[in-house]
């Protein structure tokens, strides 16, 4: 009886102390916590963590991929029209000056388009699983990826 009790207490203590160090897995797939994202646009910086509690559509795009640019414009307009989510536009391939020009041409608010810090684009692309084609992610209020490339109908249901 004593040996069983000691074994039980030992296992319970190990579980108790190791659970305190558990961190949720972050991955660019549906159902996982969204990877960290810290970007800026010259005027301000923004982190995805600071938007916890809100729905956020994160759109990765580049001028070299027209479809990603069109998606970026579409999600920006949907955010204005629907109003139930925040849109983070993140350009992974162009310099800040080019992004500013493209934002103006595309009719986007200059403060809503962000560029990662120097050297961060490759890390973001890897963590968010941007493999050759840029995507948009709906991040739920609890920080998990809910949808990839959500439709207007799905966003209207938030």
N, C-alpha and C. Protein backbone atom coordinates (compact mmCIF):
# COMPACT_ATOMS: atom_id res chain seq x y z
N UNK A 1 0.82 -1.20 0.00
CA UNK A 1 0.00 0.00 0.00
C UNK A 1 0.86 1.26 0.00
N UNK A 2 1.91 1.28 0.81
CA UNK A 2 2.78 2.44 0.90
C UNK A 2 3.50 2.68 -0.42
N UNK A 3 3.94 1.61 -1.06
CA UNK A 3 4.65 1.73 -2.34
C UNK A 3 3.73 2.31 -3.41
N UNK A 4 2.47 1.89 -3.42
CA UNK A 4 1.50 2.41 -4.38
C UNK A 4 1.22 3.88 -4.13
N UNK A 5 1.13 4.25 -2.88
CA UNK A 5 0.87 5.64 -2.52
C UNK A 5 2.04 6.53 -2.93
N UNK A 6 3.25 6.08 -2.69
CA UNK A 6 4.45 6.84 -3.06
C UNK A 6 4.51 6.99 -4.58
N UNK A 7 4.21 5.94 -5.31
CA UNK A 7 4.21 6.00 -6.77
C UNK A 7 3.16 7.00 -7.27
N UNK A 8 1.98 6.94 -6.71
CA UNK A 8 0.90 7.85 -7.10
C UNK A 8 1.29 9.30 -6.83
N UNK A 9 1.82 9.58 -5.66
CA UNK A 9 2.21 10.94 -5.29
C UNK A 9 3.33 11.43 -6.20
N UNK A 10 4.29 10.58 -6.53
CA UNK A 10 5.39 10.95 -7.40
C UNK A 10 4.88 11.32 -8.79
N UNK A 11 4.02 10.49 -9.35
CA UNK A 11 3.46 10.77 -10.67
C UNK A 11 2.65 12.06 -10.65
N UNK A 12 1.86 12.26 -9.61
CA UNK A 12 1.05 13.48 -9.49
C UNK A 12 1.94 14.72 -9.42
N UNK A 13 3.02 14.65 -8.69
CA UNK A 13 3.94 15.79 -8.57
C UNK A 13 4.62 16.10 -9.90
N UNK A 14 5.03 15.06 -10.61
CA UNK A 14 5.66 15.26 -11.92
C UNK A 14 4.67 15.93 -12.87
N UNK A 15 3.44 15.45 -12.91
CA UNK A 15 2.42 16.07 -13.77
C UNK A 15 2.14 17.51 -13.37
N UNK A 16 2.07 17.77 -12.11
CA UNK A 16 1.80 19.10 -11.61
C UNK A 16 2.91 20.09 -12.02
N UNK A 17 4.14 19.70 -11.82
CA UNK A 17 5.24 20.62 -12.11
C UNK A 17 5.53 20.76 -13.60
N UNK A 18 5.31 19.73 -14.38
CA UNK A 18 5.57 19.85 -15.81
C UNK A 18 4.44 20.57 -16.52
N UNK A 19 3.22 20.53 -16.01
CA UNK A 19 2.11 21.23 -16.66
C UNK A 19 2.27 22.73 -16.56
N UNK A 20 3.01 23.23 -15.60
CA UNK A 20 3.23 24.66 -15.46
C UNK A 20 4.10 25.19 -16.59
N UNK A 21 4.83 24.34 -17.26
CA UNK A 21 5.72 24.76 -18.34
C UNK A 21 5.14 24.50 -19.71
N UNK A 22 3.89 24.10 -19.77
CA UNK A 22 3.26 23.81 -21.05
C UNK A 22 2.99 25.11 -21.79
N UNK A 23 3.41 25.17 -23.03
CA UNK A 23 3.10 26.31 -23.89
C UNK A 23 2.35 25.77 -25.09
N UNK A 24 1.24 26.42 -25.50
CA UNK A 24 0.50 25.91 -26.64
C UNK A 24 1.34 25.95 -27.91
N UNK A 25 1.15 24.95 -28.74
CA UNK A 25 1.91 24.86 -29.99
C UNK A 25 1.38 25.91 -30.96
N UNK A 26 2.29 26.65 -31.57
CA UNK A 26 1.93 27.65 -32.57
C UNK A 26 2.30 27.10 -33.94
N UNK A 27 1.37 27.16 -34.86
CA UNK A 27 1.59 26.62 -36.19
C UNK A 27 0.62 27.30 -37.13
N UNK A 28 1.00 27.41 -38.38
CA UNK A 28 0.15 28.05 -39.39
C UNK A 28 -0.91 27.13 -39.95
N UNK A 29 -1.49 26.27 -39.11
CA UNK A 29 -2.56 25.38 -39.56
C UNK A 29 -3.82 25.60 -38.73
N UNK A 30 -4.94 25.27 -39.32
CA UNK A 30 -6.22 25.44 -38.65
C UNK A 30 -6.24 24.63 -37.35
N UNK A 31 -6.72 25.28 -36.29
CA UNK A 31 -6.83 24.64 -34.99
C UNK A 31 -5.65 24.89 -34.07
N UNK A 32 -4.56 25.40 -34.59
CA UNK A 32 -3.38 25.67 -33.78
C UNK A 32 -3.33 27.15 -33.41
N UNK A 33 -2.61 27.45 -32.34
CA UNK A 33 -2.39 28.85 -32.00
C UNK A 33 -1.59 29.50 -33.12
N UNK A 34 -1.95 30.70 -33.47
CA UNK A 34 -1.26 31.42 -34.54
C UNK A 34 0.16 31.74 -34.11
N UNK A 35 1.12 31.60 -35.03
CA UNK A 35 2.50 31.98 -34.70
C UNK A 35 2.59 33.47 -34.36
N UNK A 36 3.63 33.84 -33.66
CA UNK A 36 3.79 35.25 -33.30
C UNK A 36 3.96 36.09 -34.57
N UNK A 37 3.52 37.32 -34.47
CA UNK A 37 3.59 38.22 -35.62
C UNK A 37 3.77 39.63 -35.09
N UNK A 38 4.92 40.22 -35.38
CA UNK A 38 5.24 41.59 -35.00
C UNK A 38 5.69 42.32 -36.25
N UNK A 39 4.96 43.36 -36.62
CA UNK A 39 5.24 44.08 -37.86
C UNK A 39 5.12 45.58 -37.62
N UNK A 40 5.57 46.37 -38.61
CA UNK A 40 5.47 47.81 -38.51
C UNK A 40 5.21 48.42 -39.88
N UNK A 41 4.91 49.71 -39.88
CA UNK A 41 4.68 50.39 -41.15
C UNK A 41 5.34 51.76 -41.19
N UNK A 42 6.31 51.98 -40.36
CA UNK A 42 7.00 53.26 -40.32
C UNK A 42 6.41 54.18 -39.27
N UNK A 43 5.10 54.18 -39.13
CA UNK A 43 4.44 55.03 -38.15
C UNK A 43 4.17 54.31 -36.84
N UNK A 44 3.85 53.04 -36.93
CA UNK A 44 3.50 52.27 -35.75
C UNK A 44 3.91 50.81 -35.93
N UNK A 45 3.99 50.12 -34.81
CA UNK A 45 4.22 48.68 -34.87
C UNK A 45 2.98 48.00 -34.31
N UNK A 46 2.79 46.76 -34.70
CA UNK A 46 1.61 46.02 -34.29
C UNK A 46 1.99 44.56 -34.10
N UNK A 47 1.46 43.97 -33.04
CA UNK A 47 1.66 42.54 -32.82
C UNK A 47 0.30 41.87 -32.81
N UNK A 48 0.27 40.65 -33.29
CA UNK A 48 -0.98 39.89 -33.28
C UNK A 48 -1.44 39.66 -31.84
N UNK A 49 -0.50 39.48 -30.93
CA UNK A 49 -0.85 39.26 -29.53
C UNK A 49 -1.62 40.44 -28.94
N UNK A 50 -1.35 41.65 -29.42
CA UNK A 50 -2.04 42.83 -28.89
C UNK A 50 -3.51 42.88 -29.33
N UNK A 51 -3.87 42.06 -30.31
CA UNK A 51 -5.25 42.03 -30.82
C UNK A 51 -6.04 40.86 -30.25
N UNK A 52 -5.49 40.18 -29.24
CA UNK A 52 -6.18 39.07 -28.58
C UNK A 52 -7.56 39.53 -28.14
N UNK A 53 -8.56 38.71 -28.36
CA UNK A 53 -9.93 39.07 -28.02
C UNK A 53 -10.72 39.56 -29.22
N UNK A 54 -10.05 39.76 -30.35
CA UNK A 54 -10.70 40.19 -31.58
C UNK A 54 -10.47 39.15 -32.67
N UNK A 55 -11.38 39.10 -33.62
CA UNK A 55 -11.11 38.30 -34.82
C UNK A 55 -10.20 39.12 -35.72
N UNK A 56 -9.20 38.45 -36.29
CA UNK A 56 -8.24 39.13 -37.15
C UNK A 56 -8.02 38.30 -38.41
N UNK A 57 -8.07 38.94 -39.56
CA UNK A 57 -7.65 38.29 -40.80
C UNK A 57 -6.25 38.79 -41.10
N UNK A 58 -5.30 37.87 -41.15
CA UNK A 58 -3.92 38.19 -41.49
C UNK A 58 -3.71 37.79 -42.95
N UNK A 59 -3.39 38.76 -43.78
CA UNK A 59 -3.17 38.50 -45.20
C UNK A 59 -1.70 38.72 -45.52
N UNK A 60 -1.05 37.67 -46.01
CA UNK A 60 0.32 37.78 -46.49
C UNK A 60 0.26 37.98 -47.99
N UNK A 61 1.03 38.93 -48.51
CA UNK A 61 0.97 39.22 -49.93
C UNK A 61 2.29 39.78 -50.44
N UNK A 62 2.37 39.86 -51.76
CA UNK A 62 3.55 40.38 -52.44
C UNK A 62 3.12 40.95 -53.78
N UNK A 63 3.80 41.97 -54.24
CA UNK A 63 3.48 42.55 -55.55
C UNK A 63 3.81 41.58 -56.68
N UNK A 64 4.68 40.62 -56.41
CA UNK A 64 5.05 39.66 -57.46
C UNK A 64 4.00 38.57 -57.64
N UNK A 65 3.03 38.50 -56.74
CA UNK A 65 1.94 37.53 -56.87
C UNK A 65 0.61 38.28 -56.89
N UNK A 66 0.12 38.57 -58.11
CA UNK A 66 -1.09 39.38 -58.24
C UNK A 66 -2.28 38.87 -57.44
N UNK A 67 -2.49 37.57 -57.36
CA UNK A 67 -3.65 37.05 -56.64
C UNK A 67 -3.58 37.43 -55.16
N UNK A 68 -2.39 37.37 -54.58
CA UNK A 68 -2.26 37.73 -53.17
C UNK A 68 -2.56 39.21 -52.97
N UNK A 69 -2.16 40.03 -53.93
CA UNK A 69 -2.45 41.47 -53.85
C UNK A 69 -3.95 41.73 -53.95
N UNK A 70 -4.63 41.05 -54.86
CA UNK A 70 -6.09 41.20 -54.98
C UNK A 70 -6.79 40.73 -53.71
N UNK A 71 -6.32 39.62 -53.15
CA UNK A 71 -6.90 39.12 -51.90
C UNK A 71 -6.74 40.15 -50.78
N UNK A 72 -5.58 40.78 -50.74
CA UNK A 72 -5.32 41.80 -49.73
C UNK A 72 -6.32 42.95 -49.84
N UNK A 73 -6.56 43.40 -51.05
CA UNK A 73 -7.53 44.49 -51.28
C UNK A 73 -8.93 44.03 -50.86
N UNK A 74 -9.29 42.81 -51.25
CA UNK A 74 -10.62 42.29 -50.94
C UNK A 74 -10.85 42.20 -49.42
N UNK A 75 -9.89 41.65 -48.68
CA UNK A 75 -10.05 41.53 -47.23
C UNK A 75 -10.07 42.90 -46.55
N UNK A 76 -9.31 43.84 -47.06
CA UNK A 76 -9.31 45.18 -46.51
C UNK A 76 -10.69 45.81 -46.66
N UNK A 77 -11.29 45.67 -47.82
CA UNK A 77 -12.63 46.22 -48.08
C UNK A 77 -13.69 45.49 -47.24
N UNK A 78 -13.55 44.17 -47.11
CA UNK A 78 -14.50 43.41 -46.29
C UNK A 78 -14.44 43.84 -44.83
N UNK A 79 -13.24 44.11 -44.33
CA UNK A 79 -13.10 44.56 -42.94
C UNK A 79 -13.83 45.88 -42.74
N UNK A 80 -13.75 46.77 -43.72
CA UNK A 80 -14.45 48.05 -43.64
C UNK A 80 -15.96 47.85 -43.71
N UNK A 81 -16.42 46.98 -44.61
CA UNK A 81 -17.85 46.77 -44.82
C UNK A 81 -18.51 46.00 -43.68
N UNK A 82 -17.89 44.89 -43.30
CA UNK A 82 -18.51 44.00 -42.31
C UNK A 82 -18.27 44.51 -40.89
N UNK A 83 -17.04 44.88 -40.60
CA UNK A 83 -16.71 45.47 -39.31
C UNK A 83 -16.59 44.52 -38.13
N UNK A 84 -16.64 43.21 -38.36
CA UNK A 84 -16.55 42.26 -37.24
C UNK A 84 -15.14 41.70 -37.05
N UNK A 85 -14.21 42.13 -37.87
CA UNK A 85 -12.84 41.64 -37.74
C UNK A 85 -11.86 42.75 -38.12
N UNK A 86 -10.64 42.59 -37.66
CA UNK A 86 -9.56 43.51 -37.99
C UNK A 86 -8.72 42.86 -39.09
N UNK A 87 -8.23 43.66 -40.01
CA UNK A 87 -7.40 43.13 -41.10
C UNK A 87 -5.96 43.57 -40.89
N UNK A 88 -5.04 42.60 -40.89
CA UNK A 88 -3.60 42.87 -40.85
C UNK A 88 -3.04 42.50 -42.21
N UNK A 89 -2.61 43.47 -42.96
CA UNK A 89 -2.02 43.26 -44.27
C UNK A 89 -0.51 43.23 -44.12
N UNK A 90 0.11 42.09 -44.45
CA UNK A 90 1.55 41.92 -44.24
C UNK A 90 2.22 41.59 -45.56
N UNK A 91 3.06 42.50 -46.02
CA UNK A 91 3.79 42.27 -47.26
C UNK A 91 5.12 41.62 -46.93
N UNK A 92 5.38 40.45 -47.52
CA UNK A 92 6.59 39.69 -47.20
C UNK A 92 7.72 39.87 -48.19
N UNK A 93 7.48 40.53 -49.33
CA UNK A 93 8.50 40.50 -50.37
C UNK A 93 9.01 41.87 -50.82
N UNK A 94 8.32 42.93 -50.52
CA UNK A 94 8.70 44.24 -51.05
C UNK A 94 9.26 45.13 -49.95
N UNK A 95 10.01 46.15 -50.35
CA UNK A 95 10.53 47.09 -49.36
C UNK A 95 9.43 48.06 -48.94
N UNK A 96 9.67 48.74 -47.84
CA UNK A 96 8.65 49.61 -47.25
C UNK A 96 8.19 50.71 -48.20
N UNK A 97 9.10 51.26 -48.98
CA UNK A 97 8.73 52.32 -49.93
C UNK A 97 7.79 51.78 -51.00
N UNK A 98 8.10 50.61 -51.54
CA UNK A 98 7.25 49.98 -52.56
C UNK A 98 5.87 49.67 -51.97
N UNK A 99 5.83 49.18 -50.75
CA UNK A 99 4.57 48.85 -50.10
C UNK A 99 3.73 50.11 -49.93
N UNK A 100 4.35 51.21 -49.58
CA UNK A 100 3.63 52.47 -49.43
C UNK A 100 3.00 52.90 -50.75
N UNK A 101 3.75 52.80 -51.83
CA UNK A 101 3.24 53.16 -53.16
C UNK A 101 2.09 52.24 -53.55
N UNK A 102 2.27 50.94 -53.37
CA UNK A 102 1.22 49.98 -53.72
C UNK A 102 -0.04 50.20 -52.89
N UNK A 103 0.13 50.51 -51.63
CA UNK A 103 -1.03 50.77 -50.77
C UNK A 103 -1.83 51.95 -51.29
N UNK A 104 -1.13 52.99 -51.71
CA UNK A 104 -1.80 54.17 -52.25
C UNK A 104 -2.53 53.83 -53.55
N UNK A 105 -1.85 53.11 -54.44
CA UNK A 105 -2.45 52.72 -55.73
C UNK A 105 -3.68 51.82 -55.50
N UNK A 106 -3.60 50.93 -54.53
CA UNK A 106 -4.69 49.98 -54.26
C UNK A 106 -5.81 50.59 -53.42
N UNK A 107 -5.65 51.83 -52.99
CA UNK A 107 -6.68 52.49 -52.20
C UNK A 107 -6.78 52.00 -50.78
N UNK A 108 -5.66 51.55 -50.22
CA UNK A 108 -5.65 51.06 -48.84
C UNK A 108 -5.18 52.17 -47.91
N UNK A 109 -5.66 52.13 -46.68
CA UNK A 109 -5.18 53.08 -45.69
C UNK A 109 -3.70 52.82 -45.44
N UNK A 110 -2.91 53.86 -45.48
CA UNK A 110 -1.46 53.68 -45.33
C UNK A 110 -1.08 53.04 -44.00
N UNK A 111 -1.87 53.27 -42.95
CA UNK A 111 -1.57 52.71 -41.64
C UNK A 111 -2.00 51.28 -41.44
N UNK A 112 -2.63 50.67 -42.46
CA UNK A 112 -3.14 49.31 -42.28
C UNK A 112 -2.28 48.24 -42.95
N UNK A 113 -1.22 48.66 -43.61
CA UNK A 113 -0.35 47.72 -44.33
C UNK A 113 1.00 47.70 -43.62
N UNK A 114 1.47 46.49 -43.34
CA UNK A 114 2.67 46.33 -42.53
C UNK A 114 3.75 45.54 -43.27
N UNK A 115 4.98 45.76 -42.82
CA UNK A 115 6.15 45.07 -43.37
C UNK A 115 6.93 44.51 -42.18
N UNK A 116 7.36 43.25 -42.25
CA UNK A 116 8.15 42.71 -41.13
C UNK A 116 9.51 43.39 -41.03
N UNK A 117 10.09 43.32 -39.86
CA UNK A 117 11.43 43.86 -39.64
C UNK A 117 12.42 43.16 -40.57
N UNK A 118 13.51 43.82 -40.83
CA UNK A 118 14.54 43.27 -41.70
C UNK A 118 14.95 41.86 -41.25
N UNK A 119 14.94 40.93 -42.17
CA UNK A 119 15.32 39.55 -41.89
C UNK A 119 14.22 38.68 -41.31
N UNK A 120 13.06 39.25 -41.01
CA UNK A 120 11.96 38.50 -40.41
C UNK A 120 11.02 37.85 -41.42
N UNK A 121 11.04 38.30 -42.67
CA UNK A 121 10.09 37.80 -43.67
C UNK A 121 10.22 36.29 -43.87
N UNK A 122 11.43 35.79 -43.95
CA UNK A 122 11.63 34.35 -44.17
C UNK A 122 11.12 33.54 -42.97
N UNK A 123 11.37 34.02 -41.76
CA UNK A 123 10.90 33.32 -40.57
C UNK A 123 9.37 33.30 -40.52
N UNK A 124 8.76 34.45 -40.84
CA UNK A 124 7.29 34.50 -40.87
C UNK A 124 6.73 33.56 -41.92
N UNK A 125 7.31 33.59 -43.11
CA UNK A 125 6.84 32.72 -44.19
C UNK A 125 6.91 31.25 -43.78
N UNK A 126 7.97 30.88 -43.10
CA UNK A 126 8.12 29.50 -42.66
C UNK A 126 7.11 29.16 -41.57
N UNK A 127 7.01 30.00 -40.54
CA UNK A 127 6.11 29.72 -39.41
C UNK A 127 4.64 29.71 -39.81
N UNK A 128 4.28 30.54 -40.78
CA UNK A 128 2.89 30.62 -41.23
C UNK A 128 2.63 29.74 -42.44
N UNK A 129 3.60 28.91 -42.81
CA UNK A 129 3.46 27.94 -43.90
C UNK A 129 3.11 28.57 -45.24
N UNK A 130 3.82 29.63 -45.57
CA UNK A 130 3.65 30.31 -46.86
C UNK A 130 4.61 29.66 -47.85
N UNK A 131 4.16 28.63 -48.50
CA UNK A 131 5.04 27.86 -49.39
C UNK A 131 4.69 28.15 -50.84
N UNK A 132 5.26 29.22 -51.38
CA UNK A 132 5.08 29.52 -52.80
C UNK A 132 3.80 30.24 -53.15
N UNK A 133 2.81 30.22 -52.26
CA UNK A 133 1.55 30.92 -52.53
C UNK A 133 1.11 31.56 -51.22
N UNK A 134 0.88 32.84 -51.27
CA UNK A 134 0.50 33.54 -50.06
C UNK A 134 -0.96 33.28 -49.72
N UNK A 135 -1.25 33.23 -48.41
CA UNK A 135 -2.60 32.92 -47.93
C UNK A 135 -3.04 33.97 -46.92
N UNK A 136 -4.32 33.90 -46.60
CA UNK A 136 -4.91 34.71 -45.54
C UNK A 136 -5.45 33.77 -44.47
N UNK A 137 -5.36 34.21 -43.22
CA UNK A 137 -5.76 33.39 -42.09
C UNK A 137 -6.74 34.16 -41.22
N UNK A 138 -7.82 33.51 -40.84
CA UNK A 138 -8.71 34.07 -39.83
C UNK A 138 -8.25 33.55 -38.49
N UNK A 139 -7.83 34.48 -37.62
CA UNK A 139 -7.39 34.13 -36.28
C UNK A 139 -8.53 34.49 -35.33
N UNK A 140 -8.98 33.51 -34.56
CA UNK A 140 -10.11 33.70 -33.66
C UNK A 140 -9.71 34.57 -32.47
N UNK A 141 -10.71 34.96 -31.70
CA UNK A 141 -10.48 35.82 -30.55
C UNK A 141 -9.56 35.18 -29.51
N UNK A 142 -9.48 33.85 -29.49
CA UNK A 142 -8.59 33.17 -28.54
C UNK A 142 -7.21 32.88 -29.13
N UNK A 143 -6.92 33.43 -30.32
CA UNK A 143 -5.58 33.33 -30.89
C UNK A 143 -5.32 32.10 -31.73
N UNK A 144 -6.35 31.31 -32.02
CA UNK A 144 -6.17 30.12 -32.84
C UNK A 144 -6.57 30.40 -34.29
N UNK A 145 -5.93 29.71 -35.20
CA UNK A 145 -6.28 29.85 -36.61
C UNK A 145 -7.58 29.09 -36.85
N UNK A 146 -8.60 29.83 -37.30
CA UNK A 146 -9.93 29.24 -37.50
C UNK A 146 -10.14 28.84 -38.95
N UNK A 147 -9.66 29.63 -39.89
CA UNK A 147 -9.85 29.36 -41.32
C UNK A 147 -8.66 29.86 -42.12
N UNK A 148 -8.42 29.20 -43.24
CA UNK A 148 -7.43 29.67 -44.21
C UNK A 148 -8.21 30.16 -45.42
N UNK A 149 -7.89 31.35 -45.89
CA UNK A 149 -8.57 31.99 -47.02
C UNK A 149 -10.09 32.01 -46.82
N UNK A 150 -10.56 32.64 -45.74
CA UNK A 150 -12.00 32.66 -45.47
C UNK A 150 -12.77 33.40 -46.55
N UNK A 151 -14.01 32.99 -46.76
CA UNK A 151 -14.87 33.65 -47.75
C UNK A 151 -15.60 34.81 -47.09
N UNK A 152 -16.18 35.66 -47.92
CA UNK A 152 -16.95 36.80 -47.40
C UNK A 152 -18.12 36.31 -46.55
N UNK A 153 -18.74 35.20 -46.97
CA UNK A 153 -19.87 34.64 -46.22
C UNK A 153 -19.42 34.17 -44.84
N UNK A 154 -18.28 33.52 -44.78
CA UNK A 154 -17.77 33.05 -43.48
C UNK A 154 -17.45 34.22 -42.55
N UNK A 155 -16.89 35.28 -43.11
CA UNK A 155 -16.56 36.44 -42.30
C UNK A 155 -17.80 37.19 -41.84
N UNK A 156 -18.84 37.19 -42.66
CA UNK A 156 -20.10 37.86 -42.30
C UNK A 156 -20.79 37.14 -41.14
N UNK A 157 -20.48 35.87 -40.92
CA UNK A 157 -21.11 35.10 -39.85
C UNK A 157 -20.45 35.30 -38.49
N UNK A 158 -19.37 36.05 -38.44
CA UNK A 158 -18.66 36.24 -37.15
C UNK A 158 -19.52 37.02 -36.17
